[in-house]
C-alpha atoms as a PDB file:
ATOM      1  CA  UNK A   1     213.094  65.154  58.326  1.00  0.00           C
ATOM      2  CA  UNK A   2     215.435  68.003  57.456  1.00  0.00           C
ATOM      3  CA  UNK A   3     219.162  67.884  58.205  1.00  0.00           C
ATOM      4  CA  UNK A   4     221.511  70.793  58.920  1.00  0.00           C
ATOM      5  CA  UNK A   5     224.901  71.692  57.436  1.00  0.00           C
ATOM      6  CA  UNK A   6     228.055  71.822  59.589  1.00  0.00           C
ATOM      7  CA  UNK A   7     231.329  72.934  58.052  1.00  0.00           C
ATOM      8  CA  UNK A   8     233.886  70.073  58.108  1.00  0.00           C
ATOM      9  CA  UNK A   9     237.589  70.571  58.751  1.00  0.00           C
ATOM     10  CA  UNK A  10     240.527  69.720  56.554  1.00  0.00           C
ATOM     11  CA  UNK A  11     243.849  68.366  57.759  1.00  0.00           C
ATOM     12  CA  UNK A  12     246.706  67.399  55.431  1.00  0.00           C
ATOM     13  CA  UNK A  13     244.273  67.371  52.536  1.00  0.00           C
ATOM     14  CA  UNK A  14     241.863  65.028  54.324  1.00  0.00           C
ATOM     15  CA  UNK A  15     238.293  66.018  55.167  1.00  0.00           C
ATOM     16  CA  UNK A  16     237.634  65.422  58.869  1.00  0.00           C
ATOM     17  CA  UNK A  17     234.240  65.647  60.562  1.00  0.00           C
ATOM     18  CA  UNK A  18     234.404  66.460  64.290  1.00  0.00           C
ATOM     19  CA  UNK A  19     230.952  66.495  65.916  1.00  0.00           C
ATOM     20  CA  UNK A  20     230.824  68.031  69.430  1.00  0.00           C
ATOM     21  CA  UNK A  21     230.335  65.880  72.535  1.00  0.00           C
ATOM     22  CA  UNK A  22     226.648  66.723  72.812  1.00  0.00           C
ATOM     23  CA  UNK A  23     225.991  65.173  69.400  1.00  0.00           C
ATOM     24  CA  UNK A  24     227.679  61.937  70.474  1.00  0.00           C
ATOM     25  CA  UNK A  25     225.712  61.970  73.734  1.00  0.00           C
ATOM     26  CA  UNK A  26     222.425  62.032  71.814  1.00  0.00           C
ATOM     27  CA  UNK A  27     223.473  58.869  69.976  1.00  0.00           C
ATOM     28  CA  UNK A  28     224.775  57.165  73.112  1.00  0.00           C
ATOM     29  CA  UNK A  29     221.477  57.848  74.872  1.00  0.00           C
ATOM     30  CA  UNK A  30     219.533  56.453  71.920  1.00  0.00           C
ATOM     31  CA  UNK A  31     221.363  53.113  71.964  1.00  0.00           C
ATOM     32  CA  UNK A  32     222.022  52.845  75.716  1.00  0.00           C
ATOM     33  CA  UNK A  33     219.478  50.032  76.236  1.00  0.00           C
ATOM     34  CA  UNK A  34     220.546  48.015  73.218  1.00  0.00           C
ATOM     35  CA  UNK A  35     222.076  44.572  72.725  1.00  0.00           C
ATOM     36  CA  UNK A  36     224.113  43.660  69.658  1.00  0.00           C
ATOM     37  CA  UNK A  37     223.980  40.084  68.409  1.00  0.00           C
ATOM     38  CA  UNK A  38     224.794  37.767  65.538  1.00  0.00           C
ATOM     39  CA  UNK A  39     224.081  34.138  64.752  1.00  0.00           C
ATOM     40  CA  UNK A  40     227.211  32.034  64.543  1.00  0.00           C
ATOM     41  CA  UNK A  41     227.554  29.810  61.516  1.00  0.00           C
ATOM     42  CA  UNK A  42     224.132  30.461  60.011  1.00  0.00           C
ATOM     43  CA  UNK A  43     222.211  33.328  58.427  1.00  0.00           C
ATOM     44  CA  UNK A  44     218.680  33.652  59.793  1.00  0.00           C
ATOM     45  CA  UNK A  45     216.050  35.700  57.904  1.00  0.00           C
ATOM     46  CA  UNK A  46     215.171  38.994  59.578  1.00  0.00           C
ATOM     47  CA  UNK A  47     211.470  38.123  59.776  1.00  0.00           C
ATOM     48  CA  UNK A  48     212.217  34.883  61.618  1.00  0.00           C
ATOM     49  CA  UNK A  49     214.607  36.584  64.048  1.00  0.00           C
ATOM     50  CA  UNK A  50     212.063  39.301  64.797  1.00  0.00           C
ATOM     51  CA  UNK A  51     209.131  36.925  65.331  1.00  0.00           C
ATOM     52  CA  UNK A  52     211.038  34.332  67.359  1.00  0.00           C
ATOM     53  CA  UNK A  53     212.845  36.709  69.702  1.00  0.00           C
ATOM     54  CA  UNK A  54     209.896  39.038  70.227  1.00  0.00           C
ATOM     55  CA  UNK A  55     207.972  35.965  71.394  1.00  0.00           C
ATOM     56  CA  UNK A  56     210.781  34.659  73.625  1.00  0.00           C
ATOM     57  CA  UNK A  57     211.515  38.043  75.198  1.00  0.00           C
ATOM     58  CA  UNK A  58     207.929  39.306  75.477  1.00  0.00           C
ATOM     59  CA  UNK A  59     207.805  38.842  79.258  1.00  0.00           C
ATOM     60  CA  UNK A  60     210.556  41.463  79.660  1.00  0.00           C
ATOM     61  CA  UNK A  61     208.859  44.101  77.544  1.00  0.00           C
ATOM     62  CA  UNK A  62     208.891  45.304  73.970  1.00  0.00           C
ATOM     63  CA  UNK A  63     211.990  45.030  71.799  1.00  0.00           C
ATOM     64  CA  UNK A  64     212.800  46.774  68.534  1.00  0.00           C
ATOM     65  CA  UNK A  65     214.798  44.546  66.181  1.00  0.00           C
ATOM     66  CA  UNK A  66     217.114  46.343  63.763  1.00  0.00           C
ATOM     67  CA  UNK A  67     219.268  44.673  61.117  1.00  0.00           C
ATOM     68  CA  UNK A  68     222.810  45.996  60.733  1.00  0.00           C
ATOM     69  CA  UNK A  69     225.803  45.169  58.546  1.00  0.00           C
ATOM     70  CA  UNK A  70     226.739  41.636  57.503  1.00  0.00           C
ATOM     71  CA  UNK A  71     224.251  39.679  59.598  1.00  0.00           C
ATOM     72  CA  UNK A  72     224.385  41.728  62.781  1.00  0.00           C
ATOM     73  CA  UNK A  73     221.227  42.600  64.682  1.00  0.00           C
ATOM     74  CA  UNK A  74     220.514  45.320  67.217  1.00  0.00           C
ATOM     75  CA  UNK A  75     217.883  44.695  69.881  1.00  0.00           C
ATOM     76  CA  UNK A  76     216.657  47.940  71.410  1.00  0.00           C
ATOM     77  CA  UNK A  77     214.761  47.761  74.710  1.00  0.00           C
ATOM     78  CA  UNK A  78     212.816  50.339  76.704  1.00  0.00           C
ATOM     79  CA  UNK A  79     215.004  50.036  79.784  1.00  0.00           C
ATOM     80  CA  UNK A  80     218.235  48.646  81.172  1.00  0.00           C
ATOM     81  CA  UNK A  81     216.480  45.980  83.257  1.00  0.00           C
ATOM     82  CA  UNK A  82     215.129  44.284  80.139  1.00  0.00           C
ATOM     83  CA  UNK A  83     218.659  44.123  78.703  1.00  0.00           C
ATOM     84  CA  UNK A  84     219.930  42.508  81.894  1.00  0.00           C
ATOM     85  CA  UNK A  85     217.107  39.948  81.920  1.00  0.00           C
ATOM     86  CA  UNK A  86     217.733  38.864  78.339  1.00  0.00           C
ATOM     87  CA  UNK A  87     221.483  38.580  78.905  1.00  0.00           C
ATOM     88  CA  UNK A  88     221.222  36.713  82.206  1.00  0.00           C
ATOM     89  CA  UNK A  89     218.667  34.214  80.871  1.00  0.00           C
ATOM     90  CA  UNK A  90     220.711  33.208  77.825  1.00  0.00           C
ATOM     91  CA  UNK A  91     222.018  31.528  75.806  1.00  0.00           C
ATOM     92  CA  UNK A  92     219.453  31.991  73.034  1.00  0.00           C
ATOM     93  CA  UNK A  93     218.987  30.100  69.788  1.00  0.00           C
ATOM     94  CA  UNK A  94     216.895  30.538  66.644  1.00  0.00           C
ATOM     95  CA  UNK A  95     216.615  27.647  64.187  1.00  0.00           C
ATOM     96  CA  UNK A  96     219.369  25.887  66.143  1.00  0.00           C
ATOM     97  CA  UNK A  97     221.827  28.752  65.619  1.00  0.00           C
ATOM     98  CA  UNK A  98     223.555  30.231  68.669  1.00  0.00           C
ATOM     99  CA  UNK A  99     222.923  33.952  69.210  1.00  0.00           C
ATOM    100  CA  UNK A 100     226.033  35.716  70.478  1.00  0.00           C
ATOM    101  CA  UNK A 101     224.845  38.728  72.483  1.00  0.00           C
ATOM    102  CA  UNK A 102     226.618  41.632  74.113  1.00  0.00           C
ATOM    103  CA  UNK A 103     225.780  45.154  75.189  1.00  0.00           C
ATOM    104  CA  UNK A 104     226.092  47.999  72.727  1.00  0.00           C
ATOM    105  CA  UNK A 105     229.053  50.219  73.576  1.00  0.00           C
ATOM    106  CA  UNK A 106     230.138  53.527  72.120  1.00  0.00           C
ATOM    107  CA  UNK A 107     232.779  52.974  69.460  1.00  0.00           C
ATOM    108  CA  UNK A 108     232.043  49.280  68.899  1.00  0.00           C
ATOM    109  CA  UNK A 109     232.145  47.992  65.344  1.00  0.00           C
ATOM    110  CA  UNK A 110     228.978  46.482  63.892  1.00  0.00           C
ATOM    111  CA  UNK A 111     230.952  44.552  61.292  1.00  0.00           C
ATOM    112  CA  UNK A 112     231.391  40.832  62.006  1.00  0.00           C
ATOM    113  CA  UNK A 113     233.868  39.970  59.273  1.00  0.00           C
ATOM    114  CA  UNK A 114     236.311  38.404  61.725  1.00  0.00           C
ATOM    115  CA  UNK A 115     235.108  36.962  65.005  1.00  0.00           C
ATOM    116  CA  UNK A 116     238.178  36.968  67.199  1.00  0.00           C
ATOM    117  CA  UNK A 117     236.090  36.820  70.386  1.00  0.00           C
ATOM    118  CA  UNK A 118     232.583  35.680  71.267  1.00  0.00           C
ATOM    119  CA  UNK A 119     230.314  35.629  74.366  1.00  0.00           C
ATOM    120  CA  UNK A 120     229.984  32.077  75.728  1.00  0.00           C
ATOM    121  CA  UNK A 121     227.894  30.840  78.674  1.00  0.00           C
ATOM    122  CA  UNK A 122     229.759  28.559  81.070  1.00  0.00           C
ATOM    123  CA  UNK A 123     229.087  26.678  84.290  1.00  0.00           C
ATOM    124  CA  UNK A 124     231.806  26.917  86.934  1.00  0.00           C
ATOM    125  CA  UNK A 125     231.707  24.126  89.528  1.00  0.00           C
ATOM    126  CA  UNK A 126     233.641  23.918  92.805  1.00  0.00           C
ATOM    127  CA  UNK A 127     234.032  27.690  93.159  1.00  0.00           C
ATOM    128  CA  UNK A 128     235.204  28.486  96.731  1.00  0.00           C
ATOM    129  CA  UNK A 129     232.215  29.816  98.686  1.00  0.00           C
ATOM    130  CA  UNK A 130     234.197  32.834  99.873  1.00  0.00           C
ATOM    131  CA  UNK A 131     234.505  33.889  96.226  1.00  0.00           C
ATOM    132  CA  UNK A 132     230.774  33.633  95.565  1.00  0.00           C
ATOM    133  CA  UNK A 133     230.455  37.395  95.221  1.00  0.00           C
ATOM    134  CA  UNK A 134     230.408  39.722  92.238  1.00  0.00           C
ATOM    135  CA  UNK A 135     234.103  40.688  92.694  1.00  0.00           C
ATOM    136  CA  UNK A 136     235.073  37.093  93.498  1.00  0.00           C
ATOM    137  CA  UNK A 137     233.350  35.560  90.491  1.00  0.00           C
ATOM    138  CA  UNK A 138     234.800  38.303  88.309  1.00  0.00           C
ATOM    139  CA  UNK A 139     238.293  37.150  89.288  1.00  0.00           C
ATOM    140  CA  UNK A 140     237.406  33.476  88.832  1.00  0.00           C
ATOM    141  CA  UNK A 141     235.738  33.896  85.431  1.00  0.00           C
ATOM    142  CA  UNK A 142     238.635  36.033  84.199  1.00  0.00           C
ATOM    143  CA  UNK A 143     240.605  32.790  83.850  1.00  0.00           C
ATOM    144  CA  UNK A 144     238.557  32.171  80.696  1.00  0.00           C
ATOM    145  CA  UNK A 145     238.206  35.660  79.252  1.00  0.00           C
ATOM    146  CA  UNK A 146     236.355  38.882  79.955  1.00  0.00           C
ATOM    147  CA  UNK A 147     233.392  38.291  82.319  1.00  0.00           C
ATOM    148  CA  UNK A 148     230.194  39.915  81.011  1.00  0.00           C
ATOM    149  CA  UNK A 149     227.361  38.877  83.331  1.00  0.00           C
ATOM    150  CA  UNK A 150     225.944  36.096  85.515  1.00  0.00           C
ATOM    151  CA  UNK A 151     222.495  34.566  85.650  1.00  0.00           C
ATOM    152  CA  UNK A 152     219.877  35.440  88.275  1.00  0.00           C
ATOM    153  CA  UNK A 153     220.433  32.322  90.416  1.00  0.00           C
ATOM    154  CA  UNK A 154     224.179  32.945  90.546  1.00  0.00           C
ATOM    155  CA  UNK A 155     223.649  36.588  91.428  1.00  0.00           C
ATOM    156  CA  UNK A 156     221.236  35.674  94.234  1.00  0.00           C
ATOM    157  CA  UNK A 157     223.645  33.042  95.570  1.00  0.00           C
ATOM    158  CA  UNK A 158     220.897  30.467  96.165  1.00  0.00           C
ATOM    159  CA  UNK A 159     222.499  27.762  94.009  1.00  0.00           C
ATOM    160  CA  UNK A 160     226.070  27.022  95.083  1.00  0.00           C
ATOM    161  CA  UNK A 161     226.521  23.826  93.050  1.00  0.00           C
ATOM    162  CA  UNK A 162     227.771  25.898  90.127  1.00  0.00           C
ATOM    163  CA  UNK A 163     228.074  29.501  88.976  1.00  0.00           C
ATOM    164  CA  UNK A 164     226.664  30.320  85.569  1.00  0.00           C
ATOM    165  CA  UNK A 165     228.395  33.227  83.865  1.00  0.00           C
ATOM    166  CA  UNK A 166     228.788  34.649  80.388  1.00  0.00           C
ATOM    167  CA  UNK A 167     232.383  35.254  79.330  1.00  0.00           C
ATOM    168  CA  UNK A 168     233.745  36.849  76.183  1.00  0.00           C
ATOM    169  CA  UNK A 169     236.341  34.329  75.009  1.00  0.00           C
ATOM    170  CA  UNK A 170     238.980  34.675  72.315  1.00  0.00           C
ATOM    171  CA  UNK A 171     239.215  32.332  69.343  1.00  0.00           C
ATOM    172  CA  UNK A 172     242.784  31.642  70.437  1.00  0.00           C
ATOM    173  CA  UNK A 173     241.495  30.212  73.735  1.00  0.00           C
ATOM    174  CA  UNK A 174     242.058  26.534  74.437  1.00  0.00           C
ATOM    175  CA  UNK A 175     238.596  26.373  76.074  1.00  0.00           C
ATOM    176  CA  UNK A 176     239.966  24.635  79.187  1.00  0.00           C
ATOM    177  CA  UNK A 177     237.860  22.124  81.093  1.00  0.00           C
ATOM    178  CA  UNK A 178     239.321  23.284  84.408  1.00  0.00           C
ATOM    179  CA  UNK A 179     241.650  25.773  86.072  1.00  0.00           C
ATOM    180  CA  UNK A 180     242.879  26.433  89.597  1.00  0.00           C
ATOM    181  CA  UNK A 181     242.217  29.180  92.128  1.00  0.00           C
ATOM    182  CA  UNK A 182     244.643  29.966  94.942  1.00  0.00           C
ATOM    183  CA  UNK A 183     242.859  30.542  98.251  1.00  0.00           C
ATOM    184  CA  UNK A 184     244.109  32.796 101.041  1.00  0.00           C
ATOM    185  CA  UNK A 185     245.628  29.876 102.953  1.00  0.00           C
ATOM    186  CA  UNK A 186     247.729  29.007  99.905  1.00  0.00           C
ATOM    187  CA  UNK A 187     245.849  25.880  98.855  1.00  0.00           C
ATOM    188  CA  UNK A 188     244.733  25.432  95.251  1.00  0.00           C
ATOM    189  CA  UNK A 189     241.125  24.611  94.387  1.00  0.00           C
ATOM    190  CA  UNK A 190     240.261  23.184  90.987  1.00  0.00           C
ATOM    191  CA  UNK A 191     237.320  24.850  89.266  1.00  0.00           C
ATOM    192  CA  UNK A 192     235.586  22.703  86.653  1.00  0.00           C
ATOM    193  CA  UNK A 193     234.250  24.334  83.473  1.00  0.00           C
ATOM    194  CA  UNK A 194     231.274  23.212  81.407  1.00  0.00           C
ATOM    195  CA  UNK A 195     230.357  25.067  78.212  1.00  0.00           C
ATOM    196  CA  UNK A 196     226.696  25.503  77.246  1.00  0.00           C
ATOM    197  CA  UNK A 197     227.911  25.759  73.663  1.00  0.00           C
ATOM    198  CA  UNK A 198     231.429  25.649  72.274  1.00  0.00           C
ATOM    199  CA  UNK A 199     231.906  27.533  68.972  1.00  0.00           C
ATOM    200  CA  UNK A 200     233.925  26.107  66.116  1.00  0.00           C
ATOM    201  CA  UNK A 201     237.175  27.935  65.459  1.00  0.00           C
ATOM    202  CA  UNK A 202     239.219  28.117  62.269  1.00  0.00           C
ATOM    203  CA  UNK A 203     242.608  26.569  63.062  1.00  0.00           C
ATOM    204  CA  UNK A 204     244.232  28.603  60.292  1.00  0.00           C
ATOM    205  CA  UNK A 205     243.245  32.222  60.975  1.00  0.00           C
ATOM    206  CA  UNK A 206     241.902  31.695  64.521  1.00  0.00           C
ATOM    207  CA  UNK A 207     238.501  33.332  64.080  1.00  0.00           C
ATOM    208  CA  UNK A 208     234.964  32.100  64.706  1.00  0.00           C
ATOM    209  CA  UNK A 209     232.115  31.491  62.269  1.00  0.00           C
ATOM    210  CA  UNK A 210     233.850  29.421  59.612  1.00  0.00           C
ATOM    211  CA  UNK A 211     235.732  26.148  59.470  1.00  0.00           C
ATOM    212  CA  UNK A 212     239.359  25.579  58.515  1.00  0.00           C
ATOM    213  CA  UNK A 213     238.168  24.111  55.181  1.00  0.00           C
ATOM    214  CA  UNK A 214     236.889  27.546  54.133  1.00  0.00           C
ATOM    215  CA  UNK A 215     240.165  29.319  54.874  1.00  0.00           C
END
């Protein structure tokens, strides 16, 4: 397919390419229903990833698997609902390796040289019932990191024994087993945390995906 030439600019002796907004919008639209993922601690062959995840995610529609830089994968779906279903039904594993998944966002780096944060599924027990809402659980889960999503049962509110949410946590996190929430009457409720999978963190450089012995 033919490409077209667009005159670049020069500033202080540096060549600078400045595409217009409409060019960026075309790219954003193309990747809008895409998840970005990588396997922590293990390299999985592309063929295995494609076959395994296509089979596991088949019930939510077709997925196009694309390999990116340094072990990253892009999973492109036909619609936003499929993305939500895959995220909310995680975590996912292939060959025993945890697949860290998050939504594609404009400007995000596809290089995973230093994992300073990672999506982790957690169970939150003893959450006050008055906070069992999307805004309420967002506040509660923020004690651990940046809340990304919750599973279908948590969203429906038909299982109040625990909330299951996915949180992007930093490598510098202490991965607490509990924290407290102050209710409107001033009392403190202790929320218990259970991790579906806890990643190993290098104690030297505080990043994921390699041990302190490698640093």
